Amino acid sequence: MFRPRFVGAAVAALFLSLPAMPASASVVLFDGDFDRSDWDNIVMVVPIPGRDVADGIPAGVVVPPSFVTFDTPPDGGNPGAYRLHRLNWVRYGERVFGGGVYLGGTYDPATQGAIQSVDFSADAFVTIGNSFRQELTDWQVVVRQGGVEYYSVPMQRFVPAPVGIGDPTVFQPLSLTGLVASSFDTNPLAFFEGAPTGLRPDFSAWGEAIHFGYVFSNTRDTPDDPDSIGGSPIAPPPNDPVQFTYTAIPILDNWQVTAHVVPLPGALPLLATGMVALAWLRRRRDTG
């Protein structure tokens, strides 16, 4: 015979034995040492819609393809080691990306809970590898899930500090807070130089495990903008490929991502739900 009274007592004892669950929690991933085995490099050269890499380059001038290199100097960061990127032969018509996905830690929504929002922070500065241009650099947070990379959109612009070229001594904070799944897109140019795809990561408890990362990117703003420092033109050798490109050098330290977990109900709300269900079963028995 079905006995709701005894079942109710058992359910109440079970729920009361559970520890109170926290109203919310956060998981922090941090790296300030940048061991190379902890990072999977991201390198992309993406054409910009409506532009042509040949624009502004005289016939007969050969500009080498863009490429990205990485290094981890042990000293000079904020403090200690830092991650150095060289975005080489950046030119008009394409955007060069360099960054990485952190492999030293992961977030699994299935075991750690659905993500409510994500905060990102880091220290950075940008210099250049030749004496012809001081360019602006953009940056984004990266989510890798199921082998797919999603980029926070739109891009964030990093404005270099007013320091001497070749002598960047001031780290500046990078920060983005309150990122949700709709803050990301598989097209890194979305809402900036391209259209969004509408594809987003899954932050729910059914989503696959997530790795976080970042990218820096750069492009030459115009095909024929005179090379200059502080508005003073500098004349490179005629038809020198350097005149039509530049090398941006973003530097990163104290990378951190904080995943805020969707709050879970405590034991008392669960107990109340169980008691309501038992009351419904008893009424069903009495009226049946």
Protein backbone atom coordinates (compact mmCIF):
# COMPACT_ATOMS: atom_id res chain seq x y z
CA MET A 1 0.00 0.00 0.00
CA PHE A 2 1.24 3.48 -0.85
CA ARG A 3 1.95 5.48 2.32
CA PRO A 4 2.60 9.19 1.58
CA ARG A 5 3.24 9.88 5.30
CA PHE A 6 6.28 7.61 5.42
CA VAL A 7 7.50 8.71 2.00
CA GLY A 8 7.18 12.35 3.09
CA ALA A 9 9.23 11.69 6.21
CA ALA A 10 11.94 10.01 4.14
CA VAL A 11 12.06 12.84 1.62
CA ALA A 12 12.22 15.45 4.40
CA ALA A 13 15.08 13.59 6.09
CA LEU A 14 16.94 13.35 2.79
CA PHE A 15 16.69 17.05 1.97
CA LEU A 16 17.45 18.19 5.49
CA SER A 17 20.63 16.11 5.39
CA LEU A 18 21.88 18.07 2.37
CA PRO A 19 24.26 20.95 3.02
CA ALA A 20 22.96 24.38 2.07
CA MET A 21 24.11 25.12 -1.46
CA PRO A 22 25.78 28.46 -2.14
CA ALA A 23 23.64 31.16 -3.72
CA SER A 24 26.32 31.72 -6.34
CA ALA A 25 29.92 30.79 -7.11
CA SER A 26 32.75 31.83 -9.38
CA VAL A 27 35.58 29.95 -11.04
CA VAL A 28 38.78 31.87 -11.74
CA LEU A 29 41.39 30.94 -14.36
CA PHE A 30 44.65 32.89 -14.17
CA ASP A 31 48.08 32.83 -15.80
CA GLY A 32 51.01 35.15 -15.19
CA ASP A 33 53.84 32.72 -16.07
CA PHE A 34 52.81 31.72 -19.62
CA ASP A 35 54.42 28.31 -19.83
CA ARG A 36 54.29 27.53 -23.54
CA SER A 37 52.73 24.10 -22.95
CA ASP A 38 49.73 25.83 -21.34
CA TRP A 39 48.79 27.78 -24.47
CA ASP A 40 47.53 26.81 -27.90
CA ASN A 41 48.45 29.66 -30.26
CA ILE A 42 45.83 31.34 -32.43
CA VAL A 43 47.09 32.70 -35.75
CA MET A 44 44.75 34.03 -38.44
CA VAL A 45 44.99 36.35 -41.42
CA VAL A 46 41.40 37.32 -42.30
CA PRO A 47 40.43 39.29 -45.43
CA ILE A 48 38.38 42.41 -44.67
CA PRO A 49 35.22 42.69 -46.80
CA GLY A 50 35.43 45.51 -49.32
CA ARG A 51 39.20 45.84 -49.20
CA ASP A 52 42.03 44.57 -51.38
CA VAL A 53 45.53 43.89 -50.06
CA ALA A 54 46.93 45.23 -53.33
CA ASP A 55 45.38 48.66 -52.85
CA GLY A 56 48.00 51.37 -52.50
CA ILE A 57 50.96 49.10 -53.28
CA PRO A 58 52.81 50.13 -56.48
CA ALA A 59 53.28 47.62 -59.24
CA GLY A 60 56.46 45.64 -58.82
CA VAL A 61 56.59 46.02 -55.03
CA VAL A 62 56.39 42.63 -53.34
CA VAL A 63 55.07 42.66 -49.78
CA PRO A 64 55.76 39.43 -47.88
CA PRO A 65 52.77 37.52 -46.47
CA SER A 66 51.66 38.40 -42.97
CA PHE A 67 52.65 36.03 -40.16
CA VAL A 68 52.67 35.90 -36.35
CA THR A 69 55.36 34.83 -33.89
CA PHE A 70 55.28 34.37 -30.10
CA ASP A 71 57.78 34.58 -27.26
CA THR A 72 57.73 34.40 -23.45
CA PRO A 73 60.51 36.57 -21.99
CA PRO A 74 61.12 35.68 -18.32
CA ASP A 75 61.46 39.28 -17.11
CA GLY A 76 59.98 42.67 -17.85
CA GLY A 77 56.34 41.82 -17.24
CA ASN A 78 54.02 43.16 -14.57
CA PRO A 79 55.93 41.52 -12.93
CA GLY A 80 58.06 38.64 -14.21
CA ALA A 81 57.27 36.74 -17.40
CA TYR A 82 54.92 38.00 -20.10
CA ARG A 83 53.58 36.90 -23.48
CA LEU A 84 54.91 38.73 -26.53
CA HIS A 85 53.27 38.65 -29.97
CA ARG A 86 54.65 39.94 -33.26
CA LEU A 87 52.03 40.63 -35.92
CA ASN A 88 54.37 40.87 -38.90
CA TRP A 89 53.75 42.59 -42.25
CA VAL A 90 50.34 43.94 -41.30
CA ARG A 91 48.79 45.61 -44.34
CA TYR A 92 45.61 47.12 -45.69
CA GLY A 93 42.94 44.65 -46.85
CA GLU A 94 43.38 42.03 -44.16
CA ARG A 95 43.40 41.73 -40.39
CA VAL A 96 46.14 39.78 -38.64
CA PHE A 97 45.24 37.93 -35.42
CA GLY A 98 47.59 36.55 -32.80
CA GLY A 99 46.64 35.15 -29.41
CA GLY A 100 46.03 31.91 -27.61
CA VAL A 101 43.68 29.52 -25.82
CA TYR A 102 44.61 28.59 -22.26
CA LEU A 103 45.03 24.82 -21.81
CA GLY A 104 46.10 24.99 -18.17
CA GLY A 105 42.50 25.04 -16.98
CA THR A 106 39.03 24.29 -18.27
CA TYR A 107 35.43 24.95 -17.32
CA ASP A 108 32.89 22.13 -17.63
CA PRO A 109 29.27 23.35 -17.33
CA ALA A 110 28.05 19.77 -16.86
CA THR A 111 29.93 19.40 -13.56
CA GLN A 112 30.60 23.00 -12.49
CA GLY A 113 27.26 24.53 -13.41
CA ALA A 114 25.80 26.72 -16.13
CA ILE A 115 27.63 30.00 -16.72
CA GLN A 116 25.72 33.17 -15.91
CA SER A 117 28.41 35.57 -17.17
CA VAL A 118 32.16 35.87 -17.80
CA ASP A 119 34.61 38.61 -16.79
CA PHE A 120 38.01 39.11 -18.44
CA SER A 121 41.03 41.13 -17.37
CA ALA A 122 44.71 41.43 -18.29
CA ASP A 123 47.60 43.90 -18.39
CA ALA A 124 48.97 44.89 -21.79
CA PHE A 125 50.88 47.37 -23.87
CA VAL A 126 51.61 47.66 -27.59
CA THR A 127 54.68 48.84 -29.44
CA ILE A 128 55.78 48.48 -33.07
CA GLY A 129 58.69 46.83 -34.80
CA ASN A 130 59.68 49.60 -37.18
CA SER A 131 59.87 53.36 -36.91
CA PHE A 132 57.22 54.28 -39.42
CA ARG A 133 53.83 53.86 -37.70
CA GLN A 134 52.19 53.84 -34.29
CA GLU A 135 48.98 51.89 -34.88
CA LEU A 136 45.99 51.07 -32.75
CA THR A 137 45.46 47.44 -31.78
CA ASP A 138 42.20 45.60 -31.11
CA TRP A 139 41.57 42.70 -28.74
CA GLN A 140 38.89 40.10 -27.99
CA VAL A 141 38.07 37.36 -25.50
CA VAL A 142 37.96 33.84 -26.97
CA VAL A 143 35.83 30.83 -26.01
CA ARG A 144 36.75 27.44 -27.45
CA GLN A 145 34.01 24.82 -27.17
CA GLY A 146 33.64 21.62 -29.15
CA GLY A 147 36.62 22.54 -31.32
CA VAL A 148 35.03 25.85 -32.38
CA GLU A 149 36.35 29.31 -31.46
CA TYR A 150 33.97 32.12 -30.55
CA TYR A 151 35.13 35.74 -30.26
CA SER A 152 33.70 38.51 -28.10
CA VAL A 153 32.16 41.10 -30.40
CA PRO A 154 32.57 43.84 -31.27
CA MET A 155 36.34 44.20 -30.95
CA GLN A 156 37.77 46.32 -28.16
CA ARG A 157 40.32 48.98 -29.13
CA PHE A 158 43.55 49.28 -27.20
CA VAL A 159 45.03 52.77 -27.42
CA PRO A 160 48.79 52.78 -26.76
CA ALA A 161 50.07 54.90 -23.91
CA PRO A 162 51.99 58.03 -24.93
CA VAL A 163 55.41 56.50 -24.44
CA GLY A 164 58.44 56.55 -26.67
CA ILE A 165 58.48 54.08 -29.53
CA GLY A 166 60.61 51.13 -28.56
CA ASP A 167 60.29 52.12 -24.89
CA PRO A 168 56.82 51.03 -23.74
CA THR A 169 57.05 51.03 -19.96
CA VAL A 170 53.45 51.41 -18.85
CA PHE A 171 51.11 48.43 -18.71
CA GLN A 172 47.46 49.29 -19.16
CA PRO A 173 44.48 47.26 -17.92
CA LEU A 174 42.23 45.42 -20.36
CA SER A 175 38.80 44.56 -18.97
CA LEU A 176 35.45 43.19 -20.13
CA THR A 177 32.71 42.20 -17.69
CA GLY A 178 29.28 40.62 -17.90
CA LEU A 179 29.94 38.63 -21.07
CA VAL A 180 27.14 36.18 -21.90
CA ALA A 181 26.75 33.65 -24.71
CA SER A 182 25.27 36.29 -27.03
CA SER A 183 28.42 38.39 -26.54
CA PHE A 184 30.31 35.96 -28.80
CA ASP A 185 30.28 35.04 -32.49
CA THR A 186 32.33 32.72 -34.70
CA ASN A 187 33.18 35.67 -36.98
CA PRO A 188 35.83 37.77 -35.21
CA LEU A 189 35.00 40.72 -37.50
CA ALA A 190 31.31 40.75 -36.50
CA PHE A 191 29.80 44.21 -35.83
CA PHE A 192 33.14 45.83 -36.72
CA GLU A 193 34.32 44.94 -40.22
CA GLY A 194 31.95 42.09 -41.02
CA ALA A 195 28.56 40.50 -40.39
CA PRO A 196 27.78 38.17 -37.46
CA THR A 197 27.06 34.48 -38.06
CA GLY A 198 24.74 34.21 -35.05
CA LEU A 199 26.60 31.11 -33.83
CA ARG A 200 27.26 31.24 -30.08
CA PRO A 201 28.78 29.06 -27.37
CA ASP A 202 26.54 27.02 -25.07
CA PHE A 203 26.87 28.28 -21.49
CA SER A 204 24.07 26.02 -20.21
CA ALA A 205 24.62 22.94 -18.03
CA TRP A 206 24.31 20.86 -21.22
CA GLY A 207 27.22 22.63 -22.92
CA GLU A 208 30.56 20.97 -23.65
CA ALA A 209 33.73 21.80 -21.71
CA ILE A 210 35.13 25.29 -22.37
CA HIS A 211 38.61 26.72 -22.72
CA PHE A 212 39.08 30.49 -22.62
CA GLY A 213 41.64 32.68 -24.36
CA TYR A 214 42.19 35.98 -26.16
CA VAL A 215 43.39 37.50 -29.43
CA PHE A 216 45.04 40.73 -30.48
CA SER A 217 44.55 41.93 -34.05
CA ASN A 218 45.61 44.74 -36.32
CA THR A 219 45.17 46.10 -39.83
CA ARG A 220 46.43 49.11 -41.71
CA ASP A 221 43.67 51.71 -41.67
CA THR A 222 44.14 53.09 -45.20
CA PRO A 223 46.16 51.95 -48.23
CA ASP A 224 47.92 55.28 -48.73
CA ASP A 225 48.08 56.89 -45.28
CA PRO A 226 51.54 58.49 -44.97
CA ASP A 227 53.78 56.70 -42.52
CA SER A 228 54.38 58.94 -39.56
CA ILE A 229 55.16 59.29 -35.89
CA GLY A 230 53.07 61.93 -34.17
CA GLY A 231 52.02 63.35 -37.54
CA SER A 232 55.58 63.96 -38.75
CA PRO A 233 56.14 62.09 -42.04
CA ILE A 234 59.22 59.89 -42.28
CA ALA A 235 60.43 59.00 -45.75
CA PRO A 236 61.38 55.31 -46.07
CA PRO A 237 63.35 54.15 -49.12
CA PRO A 238 61.29 54.42 -52.33
CA ASN A 239 58.99 51.41 -52.81
CA ASP A 240 60.35 49.76 -49.69
CA PRO A 241 57.73 47.13 -48.62
CA VAL A 242 58.01 48.44 -45.08
CA GLN A 243 56.35 51.63 -46.29
CA PHE A 244 53.13 49.70 -46.96
CA THR A 245 53.05 47.52 -43.82
CA TYR A 246 54.13 47.53 -40.20
CA THR A 247 54.77 45.11 -37.35
CA ALA A 248 52.63 45.47 -34.23
CA ILE A 249 53.93 43.97 -30.98
CA PRO A 250 51.20 43.47 -28.33
CA ILE A 251 52.44 42.29 -24.92
CA LEU A 252 50.21 40.53 -22.37
CA ASP A 253 50.48 39.75 -18.66
CA ASN A 254 48.20 38.70 -15.79
CA TRP A 255 45.58 37.05 -17.98
CA GLN A 256 42.43 36.19 -16.02
CA VAL A 257 38.93 34.90 -16.74
CA THR A 258 36.22 34.61 -14.10
CA ALA A 259 33.20 32.42 -14.87
CA HIS A 260 30.19 33.28 -12.70
CA VAL A 261 27.98 30.25 -12.13
CA VAL A 262 24.18 30.41 -12.36
CA PRO A 263 22.91 30.39 -8.74
CA LEU A 264 21.48 27.07 -7.56
CA PRO A 265 18.60 26.67 -5.09
CA GLY A 266 19.43 25.74 -1.51
CA ALA A 267 18.12 22.72 0.38
CA LEU A 268 15.05 24.46 1.82
CA PRO A 269 13.50 25.44 -1.55
CA LEU A 270 14.10 21.88 -2.74
CA LEU A 271 12.41 20.53 0.38
CA ALA A 272 9.43 22.83 -0.14
CA THR A 273 9.11 21.58 -3.72
CA GLY A 274 9.14 17.99 -2.48
CA MET A 275 6.47 18.66 0.11
CA VAL A 276 4.21 20.29 -2.48
CA ALA A 277 4.58 17.20 -4.64
CA LEU A 278 3.68 14.94 -1.72
CA ALA A 279 0.60 17.03 -0.89
CA TRP A 280 -0.53 16.63 -4.48
CA LEU A 281 -0.08 12.85 -4.25
CA ARG A 282 -2.10 12.70 -1.04
CA ARG A 283 -4.93 14.72 -2.54
CA ARG A 284 -4.92 12.51 -5.58
CA ARG A 285 -5.25 9.43 -3.32
CA ASP A 286 -8.08 10.97 -1.29
CA THR A 287 -10.07 11.95 -4.36
CA GLY A 288 -9.26 8.79 -6.27
